[in-house]
Amino acid sequence: IPEYAYISQDKTWGGHYMIQGEELQVELFQTQTDNVKEKIVKDLANFLTVIHKTPKEVVQEMGISTRGDYSWSPSHVREIYEGVKSKLYPILRTEEISWIDYRFNHYFSLRSEINQALVHSDLNGDHIFFGEKQGEISGIIDFANVYYADSAIDFSRLLDYGEDFMRKVIDQYQGFKDEDLVQRAKFRRLIGAVGNMLRIIHGEQMPTTFEDQRHRLNKR
């Protein structure tokens, strides 16, 4: 976790000491030995265990709302689904539409209790620093989007490294786990892809392309 050396008076930005290492992109991860990959699994599981176990009162002291995450409520997810059907379905392939229908309907059928926790929410290769010489994670950066939500969100981005990798992290994770955790993580990934696709067709400037997100959608 970054050690901040400066925080502005209005707390809108800050600067931390440089973390040694390089971004753990999928290509770099794939070149590592099995032993190093297992160490990465352990490091991420430990990190997520600690951040998700942050006491609720500490989260509130940080000024983060703990009232619940409306964005993942069934009613809001249904709103997203209707937007996807009206805006995206006309330009998607039949098999893509069938896959999206399946994932949304499967999500609506889940019944497990959702664990609300402090989440990083953007745990991707850009924000995981890896010390190749030491063969371990050297730091996690970019906590600008932390909030109180379903802990499955933090596992969804680990699917970039493969479902087997994500499941290994969950196996070693010591936080709250329910039977639907993996399925919710997979759904969060789909939501991220279709959400970006909607923003792109609406003309919003994004650091990605429609086709890149389409590829992400189809990577099951």
Protein backbone atom coordinates (compact mmCIF):
# COMPACT_ATOMS: atom_id res chain seq x y z
CA ILE A 1 0.00 0.00 0.00
CA PRO A 2 1.48 3.41 -0.92
CA GLU A 3 3.07 5.49 1.84
CA TYR A 4 1.88 9.03 1.19
CA ALA A 5 4.44 11.80 1.65
CA TYR A 6 2.05 14.62 0.78
CA ILE A 7 -1.73 15.15 0.88
CA SER A 8 -3.24 18.43 -0.32
CA GLN A 9 -5.22 20.52 2.16
CA ASP A 10 -8.49 19.84 0.36
CA LYS A 11 -7.55 16.13 0.18
CA THR A 12 -8.26 15.93 -3.54
CA TRP A 13 -4.81 14.55 -4.37
CA GLY A 14 -1.61 13.33 -2.83
CA GLY A 15 1.82 11.97 -3.62
CA HIS A 16 3.44 8.79 -2.35
CA TYR A 17 6.92 7.35 -2.44
CA MET A 18 7.72 5.38 -5.59
CA ILE A 19 6.94 1.68 -5.45
CA GLN A 20 9.60 -0.45 -7.08
CA GLY A 21 8.56 -2.98 -9.68
CA GLU A 22 6.49 -3.04 -12.83
CA GLU A 23 2.84 -3.40 -13.68
CA LEU A 24 1.66 -7.01 -13.48
CA GLN A 25 0.15 -7.20 -16.93
CA VAL A 26 -1.16 -10.56 -18.12
CA GLU A 27 1.81 -11.02 -20.47
CA LEU A 28 4.30 -10.60 -17.62
CA PHE A 29 2.30 -12.89 -15.34
CA GLN A 30 2.25 -15.65 -17.95
CA THR A 31 6.06 -15.72 -18.13
CA GLN A 32 6.44 -16.51 -14.42
CA THR A 33 7.15 -19.95 -12.97
CA ASP A 34 4.43 -21.90 -11.17
CA ASN A 35 6.10 -21.18 -7.83
CA VAL A 36 6.08 -17.43 -8.46
CA LYS A 37 2.46 -17.56 -9.62
CA GLU A 38 1.53 -19.30 -6.36
CA LYS A 39 3.31 -16.53 -4.44
CA ILE A 40 1.30 -13.94 -6.36
CA VAL A 41 -1.89 -15.82 -5.47
CA LYS A 42 -0.93 -15.75 -1.79
CA ASP A 43 0.02 -12.06 -1.86
CA LEU A 44 -3.27 -11.02 -3.47
CA ALA A 45 -5.33 -13.22 -1.16
CA ASN A 46 -3.62 -11.65 1.86
CA PHE A 47 -4.14 -8.12 0.53
CA LEU A 48 -7.84 -8.69 -0.16
CA THR A 49 -8.34 -10.35 3.22
CA VAL A 50 -6.92 -7.30 5.01
CA ILE A 51 -8.76 -4.62 3.03
CA HIS A 52 -12.11 -6.46 3.13
CA LYS A 53 -11.83 -6.94 6.89
CA THR A 54 -11.46 -3.21 7.51
CA PRO A 55 -13.92 -2.51 10.37
CA LYS A 56 -17.08 -0.69 9.34
CA GLU A 57 -16.47 2.10 11.85
CA VAL A 58 -13.02 2.73 10.31
CA VAL A 59 -14.60 2.92 6.85
CA GLN A 60 -17.08 5.47 8.15
CA GLU A 61 -14.28 7.51 9.76
CA MET A 62 -12.68 7.69 6.33
CA GLY A 63 -15.82 9.42 5.08
CA ILE A 64 -16.97 6.48 2.97
CA SER A 65 -20.69 5.71 3.03
CA THR A 66 -21.65 2.26 4.35
CA ARG A 67 -25.35 2.54 3.54
CA GLY A 68 -25.09 -0.09 0.83
CA ASP A 69 -24.21 -0.14 -2.83
CA TYR A 70 -27.29 0.82 -4.87
CA SER A 71 -25.46 0.23 -8.14
CA TRP A 72 -25.68 -3.55 -7.63
CA SER A 73 -29.25 -3.68 -6.33
CA PRO A 74 -31.60 -5.91 -8.39
CA SER A 75 -33.64 -2.88 -9.48
CA HIS A 76 -30.60 -1.00 -10.78
CA VAL A 77 -29.17 -4.08 -12.48
CA ARG A 78 -32.52 -4.50 -14.26
CA GLU A 79 -32.22 -0.88 -15.45
CA ILE A 80 -28.77 -1.69 -16.84
CA TYR A 81 -30.17 -4.81 -18.52
CA GLU A 82 -32.90 -2.82 -20.27
CA GLY A 83 -30.32 -0.31 -21.49
CA VAL A 84 -28.13 -3.10 -22.82
CA LYS A 85 -31.05 -4.67 -24.67
CA SER A 86 -32.16 -1.42 -26.28
CA LYS A 87 -28.74 0.06 -27.13
CA LEU A 88 -26.34 -2.87 -27.56
CA TYR A 89 -28.43 -5.80 -28.78
CA PRO A 90 -29.09 -4.27 -32.23
CA ILE A 91 -25.32 -4.30 -32.96
CA LEU A 92 -24.30 -7.54 -31.25
CA ARG A 93 -24.17 -11.07 -32.61
CA THR A 94 -26.81 -13.63 -31.67
CA GLU A 95 -24.38 -15.68 -29.56
CA GLU A 96 -23.28 -12.54 -27.68
CA ILE A 97 -26.90 -11.65 -26.92
CA SER A 98 -27.57 -15.18 -25.67
CA TRP A 99 -24.53 -15.01 -23.40
CA ILE A 100 -25.56 -11.66 -21.91
CA ASP A 101 -29.13 -12.91 -21.38
CA TYR A 102 -27.79 -15.98 -19.60
CA ARG A 103 -25.47 -13.99 -17.29
CA PHE A 104 -28.13 -11.45 -16.30
CA ASN A 105 -30.81 -14.08 -15.66
CA HIS A 106 -28.33 -16.18 -13.71
CA TYR A 107 -27.43 -13.15 -11.58
CA PHE A 108 -31.10 -12.53 -10.79
CA SER A 109 -31.38 -16.14 -9.59
CA LEU A 110 -28.56 -15.88 -7.02
CA ARG A 111 -29.69 -16.00 -3.41
CA SER A 112 -26.55 -15.91 -1.25
CA GLU A 113 -25.99 -13.14 1.27
CA ILE A 114 -23.80 -10.41 -0.22
CA ASN A 115 -20.86 -9.34 1.91
CA GLN A 116 -20.43 -5.57 1.96
CA ALA A 117 -16.81 -4.57 2.52
CA LEU A 118 -14.26 -1.90 1.75
CA VAL A 119 -13.18 -2.70 -1.82
CA HIS A 120 -10.34 -1.42 -4.00
CA SER A 121 -12.68 -1.76 -7.02
CA ASP A 122 -9.99 -1.43 -9.72
CA LEU A 123 -7.57 -4.26 -9.02
CA ASN A 124 -6.14 -4.76 -12.48
CA GLY A 125 -2.65 -5.19 -13.90
CA ASP A 126 -2.13 -1.43 -14.10
CA HIS A 127 -2.39 -1.16 -10.32
CA ILE A 128 -0.59 -4.31 -9.15
CA PHE A 129 3.18 -3.80 -9.01
CA PHE A 130 5.43 -6.83 -9.26
CA GLY A 131 9.08 -7.13 -8.23
CA GLU A 132 10.40 -9.67 -10.71
CA LYS A 133 13.75 -10.04 -8.97
CA GLN A 134 12.02 -10.90 -5.67
CA GLY A 135 9.26 -12.85 -7.39
CA GLU A 136 6.48 -11.17 -5.42
CA ILE A 137 4.03 -8.30 -5.45
CA SER A 138 5.77 -5.10 -4.39
CA GLY A 139 2.72 -2.87 -4.06
CA ILE A 140 -0.88 -2.03 -4.89
CA ILE A 141 -1.69 1.49 -6.07
CA ASP A 142 -4.65 3.73 -6.99
CA PHE A 143 -7.07 3.70 -4.08
CA ALA A 144 -9.03 6.65 -5.53
CA ASN A 145 -12.13 4.54 -6.16
CA VAL A 146 -12.39 2.62 -2.89
CA TYR A 147 -15.93 2.26 -1.62
CA TYR A 148 -18.19 -0.02 0.41
CA ALA A 149 -19.68 -2.73 -1.75
CA ASP A 150 -19.85 -6.43 -2.63
CA SER A 151 -16.40 -7.94 -2.11
CA ALA A 152 -16.87 -9.93 -5.35
CA ILE A 153 -15.97 -6.75 -7.25
CA ASP A 154 -12.30 -7.11 -6.31
CA PHE A 155 -12.16 -10.68 -7.59
CA SER A 156 -13.75 -9.86 -10.95
CA ARG A 157 -10.68 -8.09 -12.35
CA LEU A 158 -8.51 -11.09 -11.44
CA LEU A 159 -10.32 -12.97 -14.20
CA ASP A 160 -7.92 -11.17 -16.57
CA TYR A 161 -5.38 -13.78 -15.41
CA GLY A 162 -7.85 -16.64 -15.89
CA GLU A 163 -10.69 -18.16 -13.88
CA ASP A 164 -8.38 -20.78 -12.37
CA PHE A 165 -6.16 -18.02 -10.99
CA MET A 166 -9.13 -16.16 -9.49
CA ARG A 167 -10.42 -19.34 -7.86
CA LYS A 168 -6.98 -20.00 -6.33
CA VAL A 169 -6.97 -16.50 -4.81
CA ILE A 170 -10.45 -17.11 -3.39
CA ASP A 171 -9.33 -20.46 -1.94
CA GLN A 172 -6.58 -18.72 0.06
CA TYR A 173 -8.70 -15.67 0.88
CA GLN A 174 -9.63 -15.51 4.58
CA GLY A 175 -12.55 -13.11 4.29
CA PHE A 176 -16.26 -13.88 4.02
CA LYS A 177 -16.99 -16.36 1.23
CA ASP A 178 -20.39 -17.53 0.04
CA GLU A 179 -21.39 -20.06 -2.60
CA ASP A 180 -22.20 -17.39 -5.19
CA LEU A 181 -18.99 -15.36 -4.85
CA VAL A 182 -17.42 -16.71 -8.05
CA GLN A 183 -20.61 -16.21 -10.05
CA ARG A 184 -21.02 -12.63 -8.87
CA ALA A 185 -17.38 -11.91 -9.73
CA LYS A 186 -17.94 -13.24 -13.25
CA PHE A 187 -21.08 -11.13 -13.60
CA ARG A 188 -19.20 -8.00 -12.46
CA ARG A 189 -16.73 -8.60 -15.28
CA LEU A 190 -19.55 -8.76 -17.83
CA ILE A 191 -21.13 -5.59 -16.42
CA GLY A 192 -17.80 -3.80 -16.74
CA ALA A 193 -17.53 -4.75 -20.41
CA VAL A 194 -21.10 -3.86 -21.45
CA GLY A 195 -20.96 -0.66 -19.38
CA ASN A 196 -17.86 0.48 -21.25
CA MET A 197 -19.43 -0.48 -24.58
CA LEU A 198 -22.47 1.66 -23.77
CA ARG A 199 -20.27 4.63 -22.83
CA ILE A 200 -18.32 4.31 -26.07
CA ILE A 201 -21.39 4.26 -28.34
CA HIS A 202 -22.71 7.29 -26.43
CA GLY A 203 -19.56 9.16 -27.45
CA GLU A 204 -17.75 9.16 -24.12
CA GLN A 205 -13.95 9.26 -24.40
CA MET A 206 -12.56 6.01 -23.00
CA PRO A 207 -9.02 4.57 -22.72
CA THR A 208 -10.26 1.51 -24.60
CA THR A 209 -12.18 0.60 -27.73
CA PHE A 210 -15.53 -1.00 -28.43
CA GLU A 211 -13.83 -4.05 -29.94
CA ASP A 212 -11.49 -4.44 -26.96
CA GLN A 213 -14.50 -4.52 -24.65
CA ARG A 214 -16.28 -6.89 -27.00
CA HIS A 215 -13.30 -9.22 -26.73
CA ARG A 216 -13.46 -8.93 -22.94
CA LEU A 217 -17.18 -9.75 -23.07
CA ASN A 218 -16.51 -12.91 -25.07
CA LYS A 219 -13.61 -14.07 -22.86
CA ARG A 220 -15.63 -16.43 -20.66
